[in-house]
Amino acid sequence: MRKTMCQNKKMCMFGVSLLILTLIIGAILGLLVNPSSPVTWALIAMLLFIPFLHKKWSSEQYLEWKDDYSVGIDSIDQQHKKLINLINQLQTAIDYSTSREFEQEALDELVDYTKTHFTYEEGLLRDNGYPGYEDHKVQHEKMFKKVEEVLSEYQHDQDSAMSNAVEFLKVWLIKHINGTDKEYSSYLIERGVK
């Protein structure tokens, strides 16, 4: 599981704020003392570069739907897209230090919708006699068990637990879609599921 760059949100934000403040003070002093100094202009360039770095770093934190993820069944693809959006919503709650209540609501919505999706998917597999139905259902159960383990950390370290949960869900969802979900897609499509 990939760790995020900054596990402690408050310390990370403090560090970034301190860096920006230092660059601003350095640039202002440089402009007052020696406006033609290359150091002054380097500090200004670094200040201007920070938004681009932030955009690049934050875009790596979020999942983006790719056509490669499609299983060829529109209803499943739409649900997978919604799961990706809900994971990204939880990532936003974590990244921007929203309230614990908002983080919990985002997580609850994600878990609830995941259960809805799994129920739907398992129903399609069961109703169409998919031979790997039981194994697929076991994978879903293992995922929920792992999420429960990760979230049991929540009482001890809230920031780390939420970050670990969202990272696990990102990796698991993409592996699941590209693995076992793609395995059943041709079977269901042959039976007329669209």
Protein backbone atom coordinates (compact mmCIF):
# COMPACT_ATOMS: atom_id res chain seq x y z
CA MET A 1 0.00 0.00 0.00
CA ARG A 2 1.46 3.36 -1.05
CA LYS A 3 1.83 5.90 1.74
CA THR A 4 0.81 9.47 1.14
CA MET A 5 3.54 12.10 1.20
CA CYS A 6 2.27 13.66 4.39
CA GLN A 7 0.75 11.35 6.97
CA ASN A 8 0.14 14.07 9.59
CA LYS A 9 -2.08 16.70 7.94
CA LYS A 10 -1.46 19.46 10.46
CA MET A 11 2.32 19.12 10.35
CA CYS A 12 2.26 18.94 6.57
CA MET A 13 0.16 22.08 6.25
CA PHE A 14 2.37 23.83 8.80
CA GLY A 15 5.48 22.87 6.82
CA VAL A 16 4.03 24.06 3.52
CA SER A 17 2.86 27.32 5.11
CA LEU A 18 6.28 27.87 6.66
CA LEU A 19 7.98 27.24 3.30
CA ILE A 20 5.70 29.70 1.50
CA LEU A 21 6.14 32.33 4.22
CA THR A 22 9.93 31.93 4.07
CA LEU A 23 9.91 32.29 0.29
CA ILE A 24 7.70 35.40 0.47
CA ILE A 25 9.88 37.07 3.12
CA GLY A 26 13.04 36.14 1.20
CA ALA A 27 11.63 37.51 -2.06
CA ILE A 28 10.47 40.77 -0.43
CA LEU A 29 13.82 41.29 1.31
CA GLY A 30 15.62 40.44 -1.93
CA LEU A 31 13.56 43.01 -3.85
CA LEU A 32 14.28 45.65 -1.21
CA VAL A 33 18.02 44.94 -0.92
CA ASN A 34 19.03 43.87 -4.42
CA PRO A 35 16.20 43.61 -6.98
CA SER A 36 18.54 42.38 -9.73
CA SER A 37 19.91 39.47 -7.71
CA PRO A 38 19.35 36.03 -9.28
CA VAL A 39 18.57 34.66 -5.79
CA THR A 40 15.63 37.06 -5.48
CA TRP A 41 14.23 35.98 -8.83
CA ALA A 42 14.82 32.32 -7.99
CA LEU A 43 12.73 32.78 -4.83
CA ILE A 44 9.97 34.45 -6.85
CA ALA A 45 10.11 31.63 -9.42
CA MET A 46 9.83 29.06 -6.63
CA LEU A 47 6.76 30.87 -5.27
CA LEU A 48 5.17 30.84 -8.72
CA PHE A 49 6.02 27.14 -9.14
CA ILE A 50 4.27 26.01 -5.93
CA PRO A 51 0.73 25.91 -7.45
CA PHE A 52 1.99 23.65 -10.28
CA LEU A 53 3.66 21.31 -7.80
CA HIS A 54 0.50 21.22 -5.71
CA LYS A 55 -1.64 20.42 -8.75
CA LYS A 56 0.70 17.61 -9.81
CA TRP A 57 0.90 16.13 -6.29
CA SER A 58 -2.84 16.32 -5.70
CA SER A 59 -3.72 14.83 -9.10
CA GLU A 60 -1.65 11.75 -8.21
CA GLN A 61 -3.82 11.27 -5.12
CA TYR A 62 -7.03 10.83 -7.09
CA LEU A 63 -8.33 8.02 -9.25
CA GLU A 64 -9.43 8.75 -12.77
CA TRP A 65 -11.71 6.51 -14.81
CA LYS A 66 -9.95 4.97 -17.80
CA ASP A 67 -11.61 3.11 -20.64
CA ASP A 68 -9.33 0.17 -19.78
CA TYR A 69 -11.40 -0.29 -16.61
CA SER A 70 -14.60 -0.96 -18.55
CA VAL A 71 -16.03 -4.45 -18.14
CA GLY A 72 -18.34 -3.91 -21.13
CA ILE A 73 -21.50 -3.87 -19.01
CA ASP A 74 -22.84 -0.33 -18.75
CA SER A 75 -24.60 -0.74 -15.40
CA ILE A 76 -21.43 -2.13 -13.78
CA ASP A 77 -19.22 0.52 -15.41
CA GLN A 78 -21.50 3.28 -14.12
CA GLN A 79 -21.33 1.84 -10.61
CA HIS A 80 -17.54 1.56 -10.82
CA LYS A 81 -17.36 5.21 -11.91
CA LYS A 82 -19.48 6.20 -8.93
CA LEU A 83 -17.20 4.18 -6.60
CA ILE A 84 -14.19 6.03 -8.01
CA ASN A 85 -15.96 9.37 -7.42
CA LEU A 86 -16.78 8.38 -3.83
CA ILE A 87 -13.18 7.33 -3.19
CA ASN A 88 -12.04 10.68 -4.58
CA GLN A 89 -14.56 12.45 -2.34
CA LEU A 90 -13.08 10.69 0.68
CA GLN A 91 -9.56 11.59 -0.52
CA THR A 92 -10.63 15.25 -0.73
CA ALA A 93 -12.02 15.11 2.81
CA ILE A 94 -8.70 13.72 4.02
CA ASP A 95 -6.48 16.08 1.99
CA TYR A 96 -8.23 19.26 2.99
CA SER A 97 -8.59 18.52 6.69
CA THR A 98 -12.34 18.71 6.68
CA SER A 99 -14.16 17.88 9.86
CA ARG A 100 -14.16 14.34 11.25
CA GLU A 101 -17.90 14.28 10.65
CA PHE A 102 -17.46 15.02 6.93
CA GLU A 103 -14.73 12.38 6.63
CA GLN A 104 -16.96 9.85 8.38
CA GLU A 105 -19.95 10.74 6.18
CA ALA A 106 -17.80 10.36 3.04
CA LEU A 107 -16.55 7.00 4.27
CA ASP A 108 -20.03 5.82 5.25
CA GLU A 109 -21.41 6.81 1.83
CA LEU A 110 -18.58 4.94 0.13
CA VAL A 111 -19.06 1.81 2.25
CA ASP A 112 -22.86 1.88 1.77
CA TYR A 113 -22.59 2.29 -1.99
CA THR A 114 -19.94 -0.42 -2.17
CA LYS A 115 -22.35 -2.80 -0.44
CA THR A 116 -25.07 -1.80 -2.91
CA HIS A 117 -22.72 -2.40 -5.84
CA PHE A 118 -21.57 -5.77 -4.50
CA THR A 119 -25.16 -6.88 -3.94
CA TYR A 120 -26.05 -5.89 -7.51
CA GLU A 121 -22.97 -7.54 -8.98
CA GLU A 122 -23.40 -10.73 -6.96
CA GLY A 123 -27.08 -10.85 -7.99
CA LEU A 124 -26.11 -10.69 -11.67
CA LEU A 125 -23.54 -13.45 -11.21
CA ARG A 126 -25.89 -15.68 -9.21
CA ASP A 127 -28.89 -15.14 -11.50
CA ASN A 128 -26.81 -15.94 -14.59
CA GLY A 129 -25.21 -19.04 -13.12
CA TYR A 130 -21.66 -17.69 -13.19
CA PRO A 131 -19.36 -20.56 -12.15
CA GLY A 132 -17.03 -18.27 -10.17
CA TYR A 133 -19.86 -16.70 -8.16
CA GLU A 134 -18.82 -18.07 -4.75
CA ASP A 135 -15.16 -17.09 -5.20
CA HIS A 136 -16.19 -13.60 -6.29
CA LYS A 137 -18.44 -13.21 -3.27
CA VAL A 138 -15.57 -14.31 -0.98
CA GLN A 139 -13.35 -11.59 -2.49
CA HIS A 140 -16.00 -8.99 -1.62
CA GLU A 141 -16.19 -10.32 1.95
CA LYS A 142 -12.38 -10.24 2.32
CA MET A 143 -12.32 -6.62 1.15
CA PHE A 144 -14.87 -5.59 3.78
CA LYS A 145 -12.96 -7.47 6.45
CA LYS A 146 -9.76 -5.61 5.51
CA VAL A 147 -11.57 -2.25 5.56
CA GLU A 148 -12.89 -3.07 9.04
CA GLU A 149 -9.32 -3.88 10.19
CA VAL A 150 -7.95 -0.64 8.77
CA LEU A 151 -10.77 1.37 10.35
CA SER A 152 -10.30 -0.29 13.74
CA GLU A 153 -7.09 1.77 13.81
CA TYR A 154 -9.32 4.86 13.75
CA GLN A 155 -9.57 4.98 17.55
CA HIS A 156 -5.76 5.14 17.84
CA ASP A 157 -4.69 7.28 14.88
CA GLN A 158 -7.50 8.92 12.94
CA ASP A 159 -5.40 10.56 10.21
CA SER A 160 -3.41 7.43 9.45
CA ALA A 161 -6.46 5.15 9.55
CA MET A 162 -8.43 7.22 7.03
CA SER A 163 -5.40 7.58 4.73
CA ASN A 164 -4.73 3.84 4.93
CA ALA A 165 -8.39 3.07 4.22
CA VAL A 166 -8.57 5.27 1.13
CA GLU A 167 -5.25 3.95 -0.22
CA PHE A 168 -6.38 0.36 0.30
CA LEU A 169 -9.71 1.05 -1.42
CA LYS A 170 -8.03 2.69 -4.43
CA VAL A 171 -5.66 -0.19 -5.00
CA TRP A 172 -8.25 -2.87 -4.28
CA LEU A 173 -10.93 -1.40 -6.56
CA ILE A 174 -8.68 -1.06 -9.60
CA LYS A 175 -7.18 -4.53 -9.11
CA HIS A 176 -10.66 -5.99 -8.63
CA ILE A 177 -12.08 -4.30 -11.72
CA ASN A 178 -9.12 -5.29 -13.89
CA GLY A 179 -8.96 -8.78 -12.42
CA THR A 180 -12.03 -10.72 -11.34
CA ASP A 181 -14.61 -8.27 -12.72
CA LYS A 182 -13.15 -8.58 -16.22
CA GLU A 183 -13.20 -12.35 -15.83
CA TYR A 184 -17.01 -12.43 -15.53
CA SER A 185 -17.75 -9.75 -18.13
CA SER A 186 -17.61 -11.92 -21.25
CA TYR A 187 -19.68 -14.59 -19.49
CA LEU A 188 -22.44 -12.08 -18.65
CA ILE A 189 -22.29 -10.34 -22.01
CA GLU A 190 -22.81 -13.72 -23.77
CA ARG A 191 -25.99 -14.07 -21.68
CA GLY A 192 -27.32 -10.70 -22.82
CA VAL A 193 -26.38 -8.58 -19.80
CA LYS A 194 -25.63 -5.04 -20.95
